[in-house]
Amino acid sequence: MKWKTLEADGCTWEVRSVVNSPDTGAAPDEEVLEFTTQSANMPPRRVVVRAGSLEVMDETALRSAYLRARPIGGDHYGRPGKRMSDAG
């Protein structure tokens, strides 16, 4: 399968749907989109969307999802190892 790609922030991002594990916070009718760079020079980003959305997303919808996505492995601002005070 060829992944959808998006050019943003000077990188090429691959977009894929990941398995909804309990720690993602996604409801049964939602899926998690993960954005990863082809060169692995930026941390992956994730966002929750309605299930089945990725298949019908165009460039504009992908860019909108990317802008809402947050880096994983850090806080809301992408700082590794630093958690926001309201995070569980």
PDB file of N, CA and C in Angstrom:
ATOM      1  N   MET A   1       0.832  -1.176   0.000  1.00  0.00           N
ATOM      2  CA  MET A   1       0.000   0.000   0.000  1.00  0.00           C
ATOM      3  C   MET A   1       0.880   1.244   0.000  1.00  0.00           C
ATOM      4  N   LYS A   2       0.557   2.193  -0.830  1.00  0.00           N
ATOM      5  CA  LYS A   2       1.280   3.454  -0.856  1.00  0.00           C
ATOM      6  C   LYS A   2       0.621   4.419   0.122  1.00  0.00           C
ATOM      7  N   TRP A   3       1.411   5.014   1.001  1.00  0.00           N
ATOM      8  CA  TRP A   3       0.885   5.940   1.996  1.00  0.00           C
ATOM      9  C   TRP A   3       0.597   7.274   1.335  1.00  0.00           C
ATOM     10  N   LYS A   4      -0.378   7.988   1.871  1.00  0.00           N
ATOM     11  CA  LYS A   4      -0.618   9.360   1.430  1.00  0.00           C
ATOM     12  C   LYS A   4       0.527  10.195   1.963  1.00  0.00           C
ATOM     13  N   THR A   5       0.904  11.223   1.223  1.00  0.00           N
ATOM     14  CA  THR A   5       1.989  12.097   1.665  1.00  0.00           C
ATOM     15  C   THR A   5       1.533  13.544   1.656  1.00  0.00           C
ATOM     16  N   LEU A   6       2.244  14.347   2.425  1.00  0.00           N
ATOM     17  CA  LEU A   6       1.937  15.763   2.561  1.00  0.00           C
ATOM     18  C   LEU A   6       3.250  16.518   2.708  1.00  0.00           C
ATOM     19  N   GLU A   7       3.391  17.609   1.983  1.00  0.00           N
ATOM     20  CA  GLU A   7       4.558  18.486   2.117  1.00  0.00           C
ATOM     21  C   GLU A   7       4.203  19.588   3.105  1.00  0.00           C
ATOM     22  N   ALA A   8       4.925  19.648   4.235  1.00  0.00           N
ATOM     23  CA  ALA A   8       4.674  20.679   5.248  1.00  0.00           C
ATOM     24  C   ALA A   8       5.923  20.881   6.095  1.00  0.00           C
ATOM     25  N   ASP A   9       6.152  22.103   6.501  1.00  0.00           N
ATOM     26  CA  ASP A   9       7.288  22.455   7.361  1.00  0.00           C
ATOM     27  C   ASP A   9       8.621  21.987   6.787  1.00  0.00           C
ATOM     28  N   GLY A  10       8.748  22.009   5.473  1.00  0.00           N
ATOM     29  CA  GLY A  10      10.006  21.647   4.825  1.00  0.00           C
ATOM     30  C   GLY A  10      10.286  20.155   4.789  1.00  0.00           C
ATOM     31  N   CYS A  11       9.291  19.325   5.080  1.00  0.00           N
ATOM     32  CA  CYS A  11       9.468  17.868   5.095  1.00  0.00           C
ATOM     33  C   CYS A  11       8.357  17.199   4.290  1.00  0.00           C
ATOM     34  N   THR A  12       8.615  15.966   3.897  1.00  0.00           N
ATOM     35  CA  THR A  12       7.572  15.128   3.316  1.00  0.00           C
ATOM     36  C   THR A  12       7.080  14.208   4.417  1.00  0.00           C
ATOM     37  N   TRP A  13       5.790  14.295   4.728  1.00  0.00           N
ATOM     38  CA  TRP A  13       5.180  13.510   5.795  1.00  0.00           C
ATOM     39  C   TRP A  13       4.367  12.377   5.194  1.00  0.00           C
ATOM     40  N   GLU A  14       4.535  11.173   5.707  1.00  0.00           N
ATOM     41  CA  GLU A  14       3.683  10.038   5.339  1.00  0.00           C
ATOM     42  C   GLU A  14       2.533   9.997   6.331  1.00  0.00           C
ATOM     43  N   VAL A  15       1.329   9.758   5.833  1.00  0.00           N
ATOM     44  CA  VAL A  15       0.139   9.750   6.675  1.00  0.00           C
ATOM     45  C   VAL A  15      -0.445   8.352   6.664  1.00  0.00           C
ATOM     46  N   ARG A  16      -0.664   7.794   7.856  1.00  0.00           N
ATOM     47  CA  ARG A  16      -1.261   6.463   7.960  1.00  0.00           C
ATOM     48  C   ARG A  16      -2.198   6.404   9.149  1.00  0.00           C
ATOM     49  N   SER A  17      -3.112   5.481   9.089  1.00  0.00           N
ATOM     50  CA  SER A  17      -4.025   5.232  10.198  1.00  0.00           C
ATOM     51  C   SER A  17      -3.381   4.177  11.087  1.00  0.00           C
ATOM     52  N   VAL A  18      -3.373   4.427  12.406  1.00  0.00           N
ATOM     53  CA  VAL A  18      -2.770   3.475  13.339  1.00  0.00           C
ATOM     54  C   VAL A  18      -3.859   2.792  14.157  1.00  0.00           C
ATOM     55  N   VAL A  19      -3.531   1.650  14.725  1.00  0.00           N
ATOM     56  CA  VAL A  19      -4.476   0.884  15.534  1.00  0.00           C
ATOM     57  C   VAL A  19      -4.868   1.708  16.753  1.00  0.00           C
ATOM     58  N   ASN A  20      -6.157   1.721  17.055  1.00  0.00           N
ATOM     59  CA  ASN A  20      -6.654   2.471  18.204  1.00  0.00           C
ATOM     60  C   ASN A  20      -6.430   1.688  19.488  1.00  0.00           C
ATOM     61  N   SER A  21      -5.356   1.969  20.156  1.00  0.00           N
ATOM     62  CA  SER A  21      -5.134   1.347  21.462  1.00  0.00           C
ATOM     63  C   SER A  21      -5.780   2.231  22.527  1.00  0.00           C
ATOM     64  N   PRO A  22      -6.026   1.709  23.724  1.00  0.00           N
ATOM     65  CA  PRO A  22      -6.717   2.486  24.762  1.00  0.00           C
ATOM     66  C   PRO A  22      -6.021   3.801  25.114  1.00  0.00           C
ATOM     67  N   ASP A  23      -4.701   3.885  24.951  1.00  0.00           N
ATOM     68  CA  ASP A  23      -3.981   5.094  25.344  1.00  0.00           C
ATOM     69  C   ASP A  23      -4.099   6.234  24.328  1.00  0.00           C
ATOM     70  N   THR A  24      -4.716   5.997  23.176  1.00  0.00           N
ATOM     71  CA  THR A  24      -4.841   7.066  22.183  1.00  0.00           C
ATOM     72  C   THR A  24      -5.997   8.002  22.480  1.00  0.00           C
ATOM     73  N   GLY A  25      -6.970   7.559  23.242  1.00  0.00           N
ATOM     74  CA  GLY A  25      -8.126   8.381  23.554  1.00  0.00           C
ATOM     75  C   GLY A  25      -9.173   8.406  22.456  1.00  0.00           C
ATOM     76  N   ALA A  26      -9.032   7.557  21.448  1.00  0.00           N
ATOM     77  CA  ALA A  26      -9.987   7.511  20.347  1.00  0.00           C
ATOM     78  C   ALA A  26     -11.193   6.651  20.705  1.00  0.00           C
ATOM     79  N   ALA A  27     -12.370   7.119  20.315  1.00  0.00           N
ATOM     80  CA  ALA A  27     -13.607   6.356  20.513  1.00  0.00           C
ATOM     81  C   ALA A  27     -13.697   5.280  19.425  1.00  0.00           C
ATOM     82  N   PRO A  28     -14.605   4.305  19.580  1.00  0.00           N
ATOM     83  CA  PRO A  28     -14.735   3.243  18.573  1.00  0.00           C
ATOM     84  C   PRO A  28     -15.022   3.742  17.157  1.00  0.00           C
ATOM     85  N   ASP A  29     -15.692   4.886  17.021  1.00  0.00           N
ATOM     86  CA  ASP A  29     -15.992   5.418  15.689  1.00  0.00           C
ATOM     87  C   ASP A  29     -14.945   6.434  15.214  1.00  0.00           C
ATOM     88  N   GLU A  30     -13.780   6.422  15.833  1.00  0.00           N
ATOM     89  CA  GLU A  30     -12.687   7.317  15.460  1.00  0.00           C
ATOM     90  C   GLU A  30     -11.440   6.510  15.137  1.00  0.00           C
ATOM     91  N   GLU A  31     -10.510   7.143  14.432  1.00  0.00           N
ATOM     92  CA  GLU A  31      -9.215   6.524  14.165  1.00  0.00           C
ATOM     93  C   GLU A  31      -8.118   7.557  14.407  1.00  0.00           C
ATOM     94  N   VAL A  32      -6.913   7.083  14.607  1.00  0.00           N
ATOM     95  CA  VAL A  32      -5.778   7.952  14.866  1.00  0.00           C
ATOM     96  C   VAL A  32      -4.945   8.025  13.591  1.00  0.00           C
ATOM     97  N   LEU A  33      -4.690   9.241  13.125  1.00  0.00           N
ATOM     98  CA  LEU A  33      -3.798   9.428  11.995  1.00  0.00           C
ATOM     99  C   LEU A  33      -2.423   9.769  12.538  1.00  0.00           C
ATOM    100  N   GLU A  34      -1.414   9.137  11.975  1.00  0.00           N
ATOM    101  CA  GLU A  34      -0.048   9.413  12.375  1.00  0.00           C
ATOM    102  C   GLU A  34       0.712   9.982  11.191  1.00  0.00           C
ATOM    103  N   PHE A  35       1.391  11.083  11.427  1.00  0.00           N
ATOM    104  CA  PHE A  35       2.222  11.740  10.425  1.00  0.00           C
ATOM    105  C   PHE A  35       3.684  11.482  10.794  1.00  0.00           C
ATOM    106  N   THR A  36       4.438  10.864   9.897  1.00  0.00           N
ATOM    107  CA  THR A  36       5.862  10.619  10.131  1.00  0.00           C
ATOM    108  C   THR A  36       6.640  11.132   8.929  1.00  0.00           C
ATOM    109  N   THR A  37       7.836  11.650   9.177  1.00  0.00           N
ATOM    110  CA  THR A  37       8.665  12.144   8.074  1.00  0.00           C
ATOM    111  C   THR A  37       9.409  10.980   7.448  1.00  0.00           C
ATOM    112  N   GLN A  38       9.642  11.078   6.155  1.00  0.00           N
ATOM    113  CA  GLN A  38      10.366  10.020   5.455  1.00  0.00           C
ATOM    114  C   GLN A  38      11.810   9.930   5.931  1.00  0.00           C
ATOM    115  N   SER A  39      12.383  11.058   6.340  1.00  0.00           N
ATOM    116  CA  SER A  39      13.776  11.059   6.785  1.00  0.00           C
ATOM    117  C   SER A  39      13.922  10.947   8.296  1.00  0.00           C
ATOM    118  N   ALA A  40      12.826  10.831   9.019  1.00  0.00           N
ATOM    119  CA  ALA A  40      12.813  10.672  10.486  1.00  0.00           C
ATOM    120  C   ALA A  40      13.548  11.803  11.200  1.00  0.00           C
ATOM    121  N   ASN A  41      13.486  13.006  10.640  1.00  0.00           N
ATOM    122  CA  ASN A  41      14.165  14.142  11.259  1.00  0.00           C
ATOM    123  C   ASN A  41      13.246  14.981  12.153  1.00  0.00           C
ATOM    124  N   MET A  42      11.969  14.613  12.230  1.00  0.00           N
ATOM    125  CA  MET A  42      10.998  15.301  13.079  1.00  0.00           C
ATOM    126  C   MET A  42      10.226  14.242  13.860  1.00  0.00           C
ATOM    127  N   PRO A  43       9.752  14.570  15.072  1.00  0.00           N
ATOM    128  CA  PRO A  43       8.979  13.584  15.831  1.00  0.00           C
ATOM    129  C   PRO A  43       7.631  13.319  15.156  1.00  0.00           C
ATOM    130  N   PRO A  44       7.129  12.080  15.256  1.00  0.00           N
ATOM    131  CA  PRO A  44       5.816  11.772  14.690  1.00  0.00           C
ATOM    132  C   PRO A  44       4.732  12.630  15.347  1.00  0.00           C
ATOM    133  N   ARG A  45       3.667  12.850  14.613  1.00  0.00           N
ATOM    134  CA  ARG A  45       2.530  13.631  15.120  1.00  0.00           C
ATOM    135  C   ARG A  45       1.280  12.791  14.953  1.00  0.00           C
ATOM    136  N   ARG A  46       0.328  12.918  15.879  1.00  0.00           N
ATOM    137  CA  ARG A  46      -0.927  12.164  15.816  1.00  0.00           C
ATOM    138  C   ARG A  46      -2.120  13.074  16.054  1.00  0.00           C
ATOM    139  N   VAL A  47      -3.243  12.669  15.439  1.00  0.00           N
ATOM    140  CA  VAL A  47      -4.505  13.366  15.628  1.00  0.00           C
ATOM    141  C   VAL A  47      -5.635  12.352  15.491  1.00  0.00           C
ATOM    142  N   VAL A  48      -6.716  12.547  16.243  1.00  0.00           N
ATOM    143  CA  VAL A  48      -7.889  11.668  16.177  1.00  0.00           C
ATOM    144  C   VAL A  48      -8.888  12.271  15.191  1.00  0.00           C
ATOM    145  N   VAL A  49      -9.379  11.432  14.275  1.00  0.00           N
ATOM    146  CA  VAL A  49     -10.376  11.847  13.286  1.00  0.00           C
ATOM    147  C   VAL A  49     -11.490  10.809  13.224  1.00  0.00           C
ATOM    148  N   ARG A  50     -12.559  11.120  12.517  1.00  0.00           N
ATOM    149  CA  ARG A  50     -13.657  10.174  12.336  1.00  0.00           C
ATOM    150  C   ARG A  50     -13.155   8.967  11.543  1.00  0.00           C
ATOM    151  N   ALA A  51     -13.580   7.771  11.910  1.00  0.00           N
ATOM    152  CA  ALA A  51     -13.149   6.536  11.242  1.00  0.00           C
ATOM    153  C   ALA A  51     -13.456   6.607   9.748  1.00  0.00           C
ATOM    154  N   GLY A  52     -12.517   6.162   8.934  1.00  0.00           N
ATOM    155  CA  GLY A  52     -12.690   6.143   7.490  1.00  0.00           C
ATOM    156  C   GLY A  52     -12.349   7.448   6.796  1.00  0.00           C
ATOM    157  N   SER A  53     -11.938   8.451   7.552  1.00  0.00           N
ATOM    158  CA  SER A  53     -11.652   9.764   6.972  1.00  0.00           C
ATOM    159  C   SER A  53     -10.447   9.772   6.041  1.00  0.00           C
ATOM    160  N   LEU A  54      -9.416   9.027   6.387  1.00  0.00           N
ATOM    161  CA  LEU A  54      -8.179   9.080   5.610  1.00  0.00           C
ATOM    162  C   LEU A  54      -8.398   8.736   4.143  1.00  0.00           C
ATOM    163  N   GLU A  55      -9.240   7.755   3.875  1.00  0.00           N
ATOM    164  CA  GLU A  55      -9.451   7.318   2.490  1.00  0.00           C
ATOM    165  C   GLU A  55     -10.044   8.412   1.614  1.00  0.00           C
ATOM    166  N   VAL A  56     -10.816   9.325   2.202  1.00  0.00           N
ATOM    167  CA  VAL A  56     -11.484  10.354   1.409  1.00  0.00           C
ATOM    168  C   VAL A  56     -10.858  11.741   1.546  1.00  0.00           C
ATOM    169  N   MET A  57      -9.777  11.866   2.305  1.00  0.00           N
ATOM    170  CA  MET A  57      -9.149  13.169   2.513  1.00  0.00           C
ATOM    171  C   MET A  57      -8.406  13.632   1.263  1.00  0.00           C
ATOM    172  N   ASP A  58      -8.612  14.908   0.921  1.00  0.00           N
ATOM    173  CA  ASP A  58      -7.839  15.520  -0.149  1.00  0.00           C
ATOM    174  C   ASP A  58      -6.685  16.303   0.490  1.00  0.00           C
ATOM    175  N   GLU A  59      -5.933  17.029  -0.309  1.00  0.00           N
ATOM    176  CA  GLU A  59      -4.770  17.776   0.178  1.00  0.00           C
ATOM    177  C   GLU A  59      -5.156  18.784   1.270  1.00  0.00           C
ATOM    178  N   THR A  60      -6.254  19.476   1.087  1.00  0.00           N
ATOM    179  CA  THR A  60      -6.701  20.475   2.064  1.00  0.00           C
ATOM    180  C   THR A  60      -7.068  19.824   3.392  1.00  0.00           C
ATOM    181  N   ALA A  61      -7.787  18.715   3.344  1.00  0.00           N
ATOM    182  CA  ALA A  61      -8.182  18.012   4.572  1.00  0.00           C
ATOM    183  C   ALA A  61      -6.959  17.434   5.285  1.00  0.00           C
ATOM    184  N   LEU A  62      -5.994  16.904   4.522  1.00  0.00           N
ATOM    185  CA  LEU A  62      -4.765  16.386   5.134  1.00  0.00           C
ATOM    186  C   LEU A  62      -4.002  17.501   5.833  1.00  0.00           C
ATOM    187  N   ARG A  63      -3.906  18.657   5.175  1.00  0.00           N
ATOM    188  CA  ARG A  63      -3.192  19.785   5.779  1.00  0.00           C
ATOM    189  C   ARG A  63      -3.894  20.252   7.056  1.00  0.00           C
ATOM    190  N   SER A  64      -5.216  20.269   7.054  1.00  0.00           N
ATOM    191  CA  SER A  64      -5.971  20.647   8.238  1.00  0.00           C
ATOM    192  C   SER A  64      -5.720  19.666   9.383  1.00  0.00           C
ATOM    193  N   ALA A  65      -5.723  18.371   9.083  1.00  0.00           N
ATOM    194  CA  ALA A  65      -5.447  17.353  10.101  1.00  0.00           C
ATOM    195  C   ALA A  65      -4.024  17.493  10.623  1.00  0.00           C
ATOM    196  N   TYR A  66      -3.077  17.766   9.715  1.00  0.00           N
ATOM    197  CA  TYR A  66      -1.676  17.940  10.122  1.00  0.00           C
ATOM    198  C   TYR A  66      -1.543  19.111  11.098  1.00  0.00           C
ATOM    199  N   LEU A  67      -2.222  20.203  10.811  1.00  0.00           N
ATOM    200  CA  LEU A  67      -2.131  21.374  11.681  1.00  0.00           C
ATOM    201  C   LEU A  67      -2.729  21.126  13.062  1.00  0.00           C
ATOM    202  N   ARG A  68      -3.678  20.206  13.163  1.00  0.00           N
ATOM    203  CA  ARG A  68      -4.263  19.843  14.466  1.00  0.00           C
ATOM    204  C   ARG A  68      -3.453  18.773  15.185  1.00  0.00           C
ATOM    205  N   ALA A  69      -2.616  18.043  14.452  1.00  0.00           N
ATOM    206  CA  ALA A  69      -1.843  16.943  15.040  1.00  0.00           C
ATOM    207  C   ALA A  69      -0.783  17.489  15.992  1.00  0.00           C
ATOM    208  N   ARG A  70      -0.529  16.720  17.028  1.00  0.00           N
ATOM    209  CA  ARG A  70       0.462  17.098  18.036  1.00  0.00           C
ATOM    210  C   ARG A  70       1.571  16.059  18.072  1.00  0.00           C
ATOM    211  N   PRO A  71       2.806  16.502  18.351  1.00  0.00           N
ATOM    212  CA  PRO A  71       3.911  15.543  18.449  1.00  0.00           C
ATOM    213  C   PRO A  71       3.666  14.534  19.567  1.00  0.00           C
ATOM    214  N   ILE A  72       4.060  13.276  19.339  1.00  0.00           N
ATOM    215  CA  ILE A  72       3.947  12.267  20.389  1.00  0.00           C
ATOM    216  C   ILE A  72       5.283  12.158  21.098  1.00  0.00           C
ATOM    217  N   GLY A  73       5.264  11.674  22.319  1.00  0.00           N
ATOM    218  CA  GLY A  73       6.494  11.511  23.082  1.00  0.00           C
ATOM    219  C   GLY A  73       6.918  12.774  23.794  1.00  0.00           C
ATOM    220  N   GLY A  74       6.074  13.775  23.830  1.00  0.00           N
ATOM    221  CA  GLY A  74       6.393  15.010  24.517  1.00  0.00           C
ATOM    222  C   GLY A  74       5.116  15.679  24.977  1.00  0.00           C
ATOM    223  N   ASP A  75       5.183  16.936  25.279  1.00  0.00           N
ATOM    224  CA  ASP A  75       3.985  17.647  25.688  1.00  0.00           C
ATOM    225  C   ASP A  75       3.305  18.283  24.472  1.00  0.00           C
ATOM    226  N   HIS A  76       2.325  19.097  24.729  1.00  0.00           N
ATOM    227  CA  HIS A  76       1.544  19.761  23.681  1.00  0.00           C
ATOM    228  C   HIS A  76       2.434  20.561  22.728  1.00  0.00           C
ATOM    229  N   TYR A  77       3.547  21.063  23.214  1.00  0.00           N
ATOM    230  CA  TYR A  77       4.430  21.902  22.413  1.00  0.00           C
ATOM    231  C   TYR A  77       5.578  21.119  21.795  1.00  0.00           C
ATOM    232  N   GLY A  78       5.617  19.793  22.001  1.00  0.00           N
ATOM    233  CA  GLY A  78       6.641  18.970  21.377  1.00  0.00           C
ATOM    234  C   GLY A  78       7.940  18.860  22.145  1.00  0.00           C
ATOM    235  N   ARG A  79       7.965  19.329  23.387  1.00  0.00           N
ATOM    236  CA  ARG A  79       9.197  19.220  24.172  1.00  0.00           C
ATOM    237  C   ARG A  79       9.280  17.811  24.733  1.00  0.00           C
ATOM    238  N   PRO A  80      10.296  17.039  24.353  1.00  0.00           N
ATOM    239  CA  PRO A  80      10.376  15.664  24.820  1.00  0.00           C
ATOM    240  C   PRO A  80      10.530  15.555  26.331  1.00  0.00           C
ATOM    241  N   GLY A  81       9.790  14.608  26.911  1.00  0.00           N
ATOM    242  CA  GLY A  81       9.931  14.312  28.335  1.00  0.00           C
ATOM    243  C   GLY A  81       9.248  15.291  29.261  1.00  0.00           C
ATOM    244  N   LYS A  82       8.697  16.353  28.761  1.00  0.00           N
ATOM    245  CA  LYS A  82       8.040  17.344  29.596  1.00  0.00           C
ATOM    246  C   LYS A  82       6.540  17.206  29.403  1.00  0.00           C
ATOM    247  N   ARG A  83       5.813  16.922  30.477  1.00  0.00           N
ATOM    248  CA  ARG A  83       4.377  16.703  30.401  1.00  0.00           C
ATOM    249  C   ARG A  83       3.629  17.951  30.840  1.00  0.00           C
ATOM    250  N   MET A  84       2.484  18.170  30.236  1.00  0.00           N
ATOM    251  CA  MET A  84       1.644  19.295  30.660  1.00  0.00           C
ATOM    252  C   MET A  84       1.003  18.937  32.012  1.00  0.00           C
ATOM    253  N   SER A  85       0.731  19.925  32.801  1.00  0.00           N
ATOM    254  CA  SER A  85       0.231  19.705  34.159  1.00  0.00           C
ATOM    255  C   SER A  85      -1.133  19.017  34.175  1.00  0.00           C
ATOM    256  N   ASP A  86      -1.941  19.177  33.140  1.00  0.00           N
ATOM    257  CA  ASP A  86      -3.263  18.541  33.141  1.00  0.00           C
ATOM    258  C   ASP A  86      -3.256  17.152  32.479  1.00  0.00           C
ATOM    259  N   ALA A  87      -2.090  16.687  32.048  1.00  0.00           N
ATOM    260  CA  ALA A  87      -1.992  15.339  31.456  1.00  0.00           C
ATOM    261  C   ALA A  87      -1.992  14.297  32.565  1.00  0.00           C
ATOM    262  N   GLY A  88      -2.674  13.178  32.298  1.00  0.00           N
ATOM    263  CA  GLY A  88      -2.804  12.111  33.282  1.00  0.00           C
ATOM    264  C   GLY A  88      -1.572  11.365  33.611  1.00  0.00           C
TER     265      GLY A  88
END
